[in-house]
Amino acid sequence: MLGRWLREPHVAMWWRETLDLAIREPDMIGVGLGPAAFRACLERIASIDGTLRTVVTDPEDSNVRSVRAFLKAGFVVTAVVQLEGENRTRCVMARQLL
């Protein structure tokens, strides 16, 4: 299903740019769904595009749950930055793909 969605024209033009995840159900927060979803998406994307070597994300550093989920999915913090025009800082995080 993810592969078909990634090939849709309206998604394909952006899929290298962003991938957002929001967990709607409160009882699903904190049970490992975020890291599992990140890992599954990365595995699928890597299987579609074998040239992709690194994935980078930049959650707000105040979003502790998001940062923790990325860490559990194998990302490492490479920098903390404040983007021009924003009044908050972000964790720049990267994960190497094999």
C-alpha atoms as a PDB file:
ATOM      1  CA  MET A   1       0.000   0.000   0.000  1.00  0.00           C
ATOM      2  CA  LEU A   2       2.792   2.462   0.865  1.00  0.00           C
ATOM      3  CA  GLY A   3       4.558   1.774  -2.412  1.00  0.00           C
ATOM      4  CA  ARG A   4       1.401   2.444  -4.419  1.00  0.00           C
ATOM      5  CA  TRP A   5       0.807   5.661  -2.474  1.00  0.00           C
ATOM      6  CA  LEU A   6       4.406   6.816  -3.058  1.00  0.00           C
ATOM      7  CA  ARG A   7       3.931   6.344  -6.810  1.00  0.00           C
ATOM      8  CA  GLU A   8       0.817   8.551  -6.945  1.00  0.00           C
ATOM      9  CA  PRO A   9       1.714  11.693  -8.947  1.00  0.00           C
ATOM     10  CA  HIS A  10       0.561  14.089  -6.229  1.00  0.00           C
ATOM     11  CA  VAL A  11       2.776  12.289  -3.697  1.00  0.00           C
ATOM     12  CA  ALA A  12       5.708  11.301  -5.915  1.00  0.00           C
ATOM     13  CA  MET A  13       6.563  14.928  -6.600  1.00  0.00           C
ATOM     14  CA  TRP A  14       7.100  15.515  -2.851  1.00  0.00           C
ATOM     15  CA  TRP A  15       7.926  12.192  -1.206  1.00  0.00           C
ATOM     16  CA  ARG A  16      11.650  12.863  -1.105  1.00  0.00           C
ATOM     17  CA  GLU A  17      10.895  16.108   0.692  1.00  0.00           C
ATOM     18  CA  THR A  18       8.664  15.250   3.673  1.00  0.00           C
ATOM     19  CA  LEU A  19       6.921  12.461   5.441  1.00  0.00           C
ATOM     20  CA  ASP A  20       4.809  13.412   8.436  1.00  0.00           C
ATOM     21  CA  LEU A  21       3.320  11.103  11.020  1.00  0.00           C
ATOM     22  CA  ALA A  22       0.633  11.972  13.531  1.00  0.00           C
ATOM     23  CA  ILE A  23      -0.878   9.480  15.948  1.00  0.00           C
ATOM     24  CA  ARG A  24      -4.498  10.395  16.454  1.00  0.00           C
ATOM     25  CA  GLU A  25      -5.622   7.908  19.089  1.00  0.00           C
ATOM     26  CA  PRO A  26      -4.361   8.831  22.590  1.00  0.00           C
ATOM     27  CA  ASP A  27      -4.200   5.182  23.673  1.00  0.00           C
ATOM     28  CA  MET A  28      -1.770   4.475  20.813  1.00  0.00           C
ATOM     29  CA  ILE A  29       0.765   7.049  22.059  1.00  0.00           C
ATOM     30  CA  GLY A  30       3.785   5.664  23.876  1.00  0.00           C
ATOM     31  CA  VAL A  31       3.428   2.046  22.726  1.00  0.00           C
ATOM     32  CA  GLY A  32       6.150   2.061  20.062  1.00  0.00           C
ATOM     33  CA  LEU A  33       3.968   2.805  17.057  1.00  0.00           C
ATOM     34  CA  GLY A  34       5.994   5.866  15.943  1.00  0.00           C
ATOM     35  CA  PRO A  35       9.412   4.168  15.808  1.00  0.00           C
ATOM     36  CA  ALA A  36       7.888   1.095  14.145  1.00  0.00           C
ATOM     37  CA  ALA A  37       6.173   3.262  11.520  1.00  0.00           C
ATOM     38  CA  PHE A  38       9.380   5.213  10.842  1.00  0.00           C
ATOM     39  CA  ARG A  39      11.389   1.995  10.430  1.00  0.00           C
ATOM     40  CA  ALA A  40       8.767   0.431   8.139  1.00  0.00           C
ATOM     41  CA  CYS A  41       8.570   3.549   5.963  1.00  0.00           C
ATOM     42  CA  LEU A  42      12.353   3.781   5.692  1.00  0.00           C
ATOM     43  CA  GLU A  43      12.691   0.115   4.771  1.00  0.00           C
ATOM     44  CA  ARG A  44      10.032   0.454   2.090  1.00  0.00           C
ATOM     45  CA  ILE A  45      11.446   3.683   0.679  1.00  0.00           C
ATOM     46  CA  ALA A  46      14.954   2.179   0.592  1.00  0.00           C
ATOM     47  CA  SER A  47      13.603  -0.845  -1.282  1.00  0.00           C
ATOM     48  CA  ILE A  48      12.004   1.441  -3.872  1.00  0.00           C
ATOM     49  CA  ASP A  49      15.002   3.753  -4.316  1.00  0.00           C
ATOM     50  CA  GLY A  50      18.312   1.975  -3.833  1.00  0.00           C
ATOM     51  CA  THR A  51      20.238   5.219  -4.355  1.00  0.00           C
ATOM     52  CA  LEU A  52      18.908   6.789  -1.157  1.00  0.00           C
ATOM     53  CA  ARG A  53      21.643   6.686   1.497  1.00  0.00           C
ATOM     54  CA  THR A  54      20.616   9.128   4.229  1.00  0.00           C
ATOM     55  CA  VAL A  55      17.306  10.375   5.594  1.00  0.00           C
ATOM     56  CA  VAL A  56      17.180  13.660   7.511  1.00  0.00           C
ATOM     57  CA  THR A  57      14.408  15.034   9.705  1.00  0.00           C
ATOM     58  CA  ASP A  58      14.015  18.103  11.884  1.00  0.00           C
ATOM     59  CA  PRO A  59      11.402  17.802  14.637  1.00  0.00           C
ATOM     60  CA  GLU A  60      11.067  20.651  17.091  1.00  0.00           C
ATOM     61  CA  ASP A  61      13.339  19.883  20.022  1.00  0.00           C
ATOM     62  CA  SER A  62      10.446  20.620  22.397  1.00  0.00           C
ATOM     63  CA  ASN A  63       8.516  17.711  20.822  1.00  0.00           C
ATOM     64  CA  VAL A  64      10.116  15.159  23.108  1.00  0.00           C
ATOM     65  CA  ARG A  65       7.927  12.263  21.956  1.00  0.00           C
ATOM     66  CA  SER A  66       8.837  12.840  18.326  1.00  0.00           C
ATOM     67  CA  VAL A  67      12.560  13.184  19.036  1.00  0.00           C
ATOM     68  CA  ARG A  68      12.472  10.026  21.163  1.00  0.00           C
ATOM     69  CA  ALA A  69      10.607   8.101  18.433  1.00  0.00           C
ATOM     70  CA  PHE A  70      13.208   9.089  15.833  1.00  0.00           C
ATOM     71  CA  LEU A  71      16.034   8.071  18.190  1.00  0.00           C
ATOM     72  CA  LYS A  72      14.395   4.673  18.740  1.00  0.00           C
ATOM     73  CA  ALA A  73      14.113   4.296  14.948  1.00  0.00           C
ATOM     74  CA  GLY A  74      17.882   4.712  14.563  1.00  0.00           C
ATOM     75  CA  PHE A  75      18.224   8.450  13.916  1.00  0.00           C
ATOM     76  CA  VAL A  76      20.969  10.466  15.612  1.00  0.00           C
ATOM     77  CA  VAL A  77      20.940  14.170  16.449  1.00  0.00           C
ATOM     78  CA  THR A  78      23.461  15.955  14.248  1.00  0.00           C
ATOM     79  CA  ALA A  79      22.647  19.567  15.205  1.00  0.00           C
ATOM     80  CA  VAL A  80      20.168  21.816  16.971  1.00  0.00           C
ATOM     81  CA  VAL A  81      19.204  24.827  14.865  1.00  0.00           C
ATOM     82  CA  GLN A  82      16.811  27.727  14.767  1.00  0.00           C
ATOM     83  CA  LEU A  83      15.487  28.376  11.282  1.00  0.00           C
ATOM     84  CA  GLU A  84      15.115  31.918  10.028  1.00  0.00           C
ATOM     85  CA  GLY A  85      11.660  33.236  10.834  1.00  0.00           C
ATOM     86  CA  GLU A  86      10.982  30.649  13.552  1.00  0.00           C
ATOM     87  CA  ASN A  87      11.047  31.264  17.276  1.00  0.00           C
ATOM     88  CA  ARG A  88      11.745  27.642  18.220  1.00  0.00           C
ATOM     89  CA  THR A  89      14.656  25.278  17.769  1.00  0.00           C
ATOM     90  CA  ARG A  90      14.746  22.019  15.864  1.00  0.00           C
ATOM     91  CA  CYS A  91      16.805  18.869  16.198  1.00  0.00           C
ATOM     92  CA  VAL A  92      18.397  17.967  12.898  1.00  0.00           C
ATOM     93  CA  MET A  93      18.472  14.170  12.924  1.00  0.00           C
ATOM     94  CA  ALA A  94      19.861  11.730  10.359  1.00  0.00           C
ATOM     95  CA  ARG A  95      19.758   8.013   9.727  1.00  0.00           C
ATOM     96  CA  GLN A  96      21.966   6.116   7.311  1.00  0.00           C
ATOM     97  CA  LEU A  97      20.289   3.512   5.126  1.00  0.00           C
ATOM     98  CA  LEU A  98      22.088   0.339   4.109  1.00  0.00           C
END
